[in-house]
Amino acid sequence: SPVLSPAPSIHPSRNPTLSPISILGISSQLREDILRTGNMFDVIADKDITIRTLSILSPTTKNIKVMVYTKMGSFVGYETQRQAWTKVFSGTVKGITNTIILPMA
């Protein structure tokens, strides 16, 4: 089994292993009669991470206005406090009734 070194090795492995990741699904209403929809969720990591993309599922082939916000710490208690949030993405994307990849970085 692999052995972790305390610092980067000067002799890298010929077959490096990937870091373990968790992919969880989050759902929201996919109905055209709902004016606003979205999700708030916490990301808990053992070390610093960077989220480079975010995938969404489009319920339509129409243009969709998408906004993504972030904040340090939990969203709990900040759901309606606009000043706590930082917008990291805003744009209109073409729905394709499939997954849309949004760049975050």
C-alpha atoms as a PDB file:
ATOM      1  CA  SER A   1       0.000   0.000   0.000  1.00  0.00           C
ATOM      2  CA  PRO A   2       1.140   3.603  -0.595  1.00  0.00           C
ATOM      3  CA  VAL A   3       3.228   5.383   2.021  1.00  0.00           C
ATOM      4  CA  LEU A   4       2.744   9.109   2.569  1.00  0.00           C
ATOM      5  CA  SER A   5       5.875  11.206   2.826  1.00  0.00           C
ATOM      6  CA  PRO A   6       5.940  14.297   5.096  1.00  0.00           C
ATOM      7  CA  ALA A   7       7.153  16.523   2.256  1.00  0.00           C
ATOM      8  CA  PRO A   8       7.251  16.286  -1.541  1.00  0.00           C
ATOM      9  CA  SER A   9       9.611  13.532  -2.566  1.00  0.00           C
ATOM     10  CA  ILE A  10      12.613  14.237  -4.750  1.00  0.00           C
ATOM     11  CA  HIS A  11      11.812  10.868  -6.356  1.00  0.00           C
ATOM     12  CA  PRO A  12       8.172  11.049  -7.504  1.00  0.00           C
ATOM     13  CA  SER A  13       6.157   7.881  -7.836  1.00  0.00           C
ATOM     14  CA  ARG A  14       5.795   6.386 -11.303  1.00  0.00           C
ATOM     15  CA  ASN A  15       2.151   5.604 -10.450  1.00  0.00           C
ATOM     16  CA  PRO A  16       0.819   8.409  -8.249  1.00  0.00           C
ATOM     17  CA  THR A  17      -2.525   7.910  -6.546  1.00  0.00           C
ATOM     18  CA  LEU A  18      -5.335  10.392  -6.839  1.00  0.00           C
ATOM     19  CA  SER A  19      -6.514  12.300  -3.794  1.00  0.00           C
ATOM     20  CA  PRO A  20      -9.802  10.953  -2.496  1.00  0.00           C
ATOM     21  CA  ILE A  21     -12.775  13.115  -3.397  1.00  0.00           C
ATOM     22  CA  SER A  22     -16.443  13.064  -2.547  1.00  0.00           C
ATOM     23  CA  ILE A  23     -19.100  13.991  -5.056  1.00  0.00           C
ATOM     24  CA  LEU A  24     -22.518  14.645  -3.622  1.00  0.00           C
ATOM     25  CA  GLY A  25     -25.632  15.555  -5.530  1.00  0.00           C
ATOM     26  CA  ILE A  26     -27.880  18.428  -4.517  1.00  0.00           C
ATOM     27  CA  SER A  27     -31.319  18.886  -5.976  1.00  0.00           C
ATOM     28  CA  SER A  28     -33.747  21.769  -6.331  1.00  0.00           C
ATOM     29  CA  GLN A  29     -37.062  22.308  -8.064  1.00  0.00           C
ATOM     30  CA  LEU A  30     -36.879  22.065 -11.865  1.00  0.00           C
ATOM     31  CA  ARG A  31     -40.149  23.785 -12.738  1.00  0.00           C
ATOM     32  CA  GLU A  32     -40.520  26.742 -15.085  1.00  0.00           C
ATOM     33  CA  ASP A  33     -43.287  28.275 -12.932  1.00  0.00           C
ATOM     34  CA  ILE A  34     -40.887  28.835 -10.013  1.00  0.00           C
ATOM     35  CA  LEU A  35     -39.341  32.294 -10.288  1.00  0.00           C
ATOM     36  CA  ARG A  36     -36.307  31.593  -8.116  1.00  0.00           C
ATOM     37  CA  THR A  37     -34.546  28.379  -7.327  1.00  0.00           C
ATOM     38  CA  GLY A  38     -31.209  27.464  -5.865  1.00  0.00           C
ATOM     39  CA  ASN A  39     -29.252  25.707  -3.204  1.00  0.00           C
ATOM     40  CA  MET A  40     -27.126  26.625  -0.237  1.00  0.00           C
ATOM     41  CA  PHE A  41     -24.664  24.071   1.030  1.00  0.00           C
ATOM     42  CA  ASP A  42     -21.552  23.844   3.177  1.00  0.00           C
ATOM     43  CA  VAL A  43     -18.274  22.448   1.859  1.00  0.00           C
ATOM     44  CA  ILE A  44     -16.192  20.822   4.580  1.00  0.00           C
ATOM     45  CA  ALA A  45     -12.595  19.997   3.657  1.00  0.00           C
ATOM     46  CA  ASP A  46      -9.668  18.627   5.623  1.00  0.00           C
ATOM     47  CA  LYS A  47      -7.339  21.134   3.931  1.00  0.00           C
ATOM     48  CA  ASP A  48      -7.569  24.172   1.657  1.00  0.00           C
ATOM     49  CA  ILE A  49      -9.351  23.496  -1.620  1.00  0.00           C
ATOM     50  CA  THR A  50     -10.156  25.456  -4.768  1.00  0.00           C
ATOM     51  CA  ILE A  51     -13.432  24.947  -6.597  1.00  0.00           C
ATOM     52  CA  ARG A  52     -12.704  25.607 -10.265  1.00  0.00           C
ATOM     53  CA  THR A  53     -16.028  24.616 -11.840  1.00  0.00           C
ATOM     54  CA  LEU A  54     -19.592  24.023 -10.828  1.00  0.00           C
ATOM     55  CA  SER A  55     -21.994  21.845 -12.796  1.00  0.00           C
ATOM     56  CA  ILE A  56     -25.700  22.536 -13.042  1.00  0.00           C
ATOM     57  CA  LEU A  57     -28.498  20.644 -14.736  1.00  0.00           C
ATOM     58  CA  SER A  58     -30.659  22.783 -16.984  1.00  0.00           C
ATOM     59  CA  PRO A  59     -34.384  22.053 -17.177  1.00  0.00           C
ATOM     60  CA  THR A  60     -34.716  23.998 -20.450  1.00  0.00           C
ATOM     61  CA  THR A  61     -32.951  24.959 -23.667  1.00  0.00           C
ATOM     62  CA  LYS A  62     -33.681  28.665 -23.036  1.00  0.00           C
ATOM     63  CA  ASN A  63     -31.138  31.199 -21.757  1.00  0.00           C
ATOM     64  CA  ILE A  64     -30.717  30.950 -17.985  1.00  0.00           C
ATOM     65  CA  LYS A  65     -29.415  33.691 -15.670  1.00  0.00           C
ATOM     66  CA  VAL A  66     -27.063  32.094 -13.166  1.00  0.00           C
ATOM     67  CA  MET A  67     -25.483  33.663 -10.090  1.00  0.00           C
ATOM     68  CA  VAL A  68     -23.133  31.901  -7.680  1.00  0.00           C
ATOM     69  CA  TYR A  69     -22.241  33.318  -4.282  1.00  0.00           C
ATOM     70  CA  THR A  70     -19.837  32.125  -1.607  1.00  0.00           C
ATOM     71  CA  LYS A  71     -18.921  32.909   1.990  1.00  0.00           C
ATOM     72  CA  MET A  72     -16.439  31.608   4.515  1.00  0.00           C
ATOM     73  CA  GLY A  73     -17.989  29.373   7.144  1.00  0.00           C
ATOM     74  CA  SER A  74     -21.471  27.931   7.173  1.00  0.00           C
ATOM     75  CA  PHE A  75     -24.410  29.461   5.341  1.00  0.00           C
ATOM     76  CA  VAL A  76     -26.634  28.692   8.348  1.00  0.00           C
ATOM     77  CA  GLY A  77     -27.906  31.927   9.849  1.00  0.00           C
ATOM     78  CA  TYR A  78     -26.823  33.954   6.787  1.00  0.00           C
ATOM     79  CA  GLU A  79     -29.479  32.851   4.297  1.00  0.00           C
ATOM     80  CA  THR A  80     -30.975  36.362   4.009  1.00  0.00           C
ATOM     81  CA  GLN A  81     -27.939  38.535   4.867  1.00  0.00           C
ATOM     82  CA  ARG A  82     -26.753  39.874   1.493  1.00  0.00           C
ATOM     83  CA  GLN A  83     -23.656  41.556   2.954  1.00  0.00           C
ATOM     84  CA  ALA A  84     -22.271  38.177   4.075  1.00  0.00           C
ATOM     85  CA  TRP A  85     -21.994  36.845   0.524  1.00  0.00           C
ATOM     86  CA  THR A  86     -19.492  37.401  -2.312  1.00  0.00           C
ATOM     87  CA  LYS A  87     -20.621  36.900  -5.913  1.00  0.00           C
ATOM     88  CA  VAL A  88     -18.137  34.660  -7.780  1.00  0.00           C
ATOM     89  CA  PHE A  89     -20.095  34.105 -10.981  1.00  0.00           C
ATOM     90  CA  SER A  90     -22.879  35.928 -12.791  1.00  0.00           C
ATOM     91  CA  GLY A  91     -23.924  35.328 -16.350  1.00  0.00           C
ATOM     92  CA  THR A  92     -26.450  34.017 -18.793  1.00  0.00           C
ATOM     93  CA  VAL A  93     -25.888  30.516 -20.078  1.00  0.00           C
ATOM     94  CA  LYS A  94     -27.701  28.597 -22.782  1.00  0.00           C
ATOM     95  CA  GLY A  95     -29.656  25.717 -21.328  1.00  0.00           C
ATOM     96  CA  ILE A  96     -29.013  22.397 -23.014  1.00  0.00           C
ATOM     97  CA  THR A  97     -31.236  20.120 -20.896  1.00  0.00           C
ATOM     98  CA  ASN A  98     -28.010  18.609 -19.697  1.00  0.00           C
ATOM     99  CA  THR A  99     -25.129  19.497 -17.418  1.00  0.00           C
ATOM    100  CA  ILE A 100     -23.662  22.986 -17.802  1.00  0.00           C
ATOM    101  CA  ILE A 101     -20.138  23.606 -16.481  1.00  0.00           C
ATOM    102  CA  LEU A 102     -19.635  27.049 -14.894  1.00  0.00           C
ATOM    103  CA  PRO A 103     -16.050  28.330 -14.468  1.00  0.00           C
ATOM    104  CA  MET A 104     -15.352  29.521 -10.915  1.00  0.00           C
ATOM    105  CA  ALA A 105     -11.676  30.512 -11.100  1.00  0.00           C
END
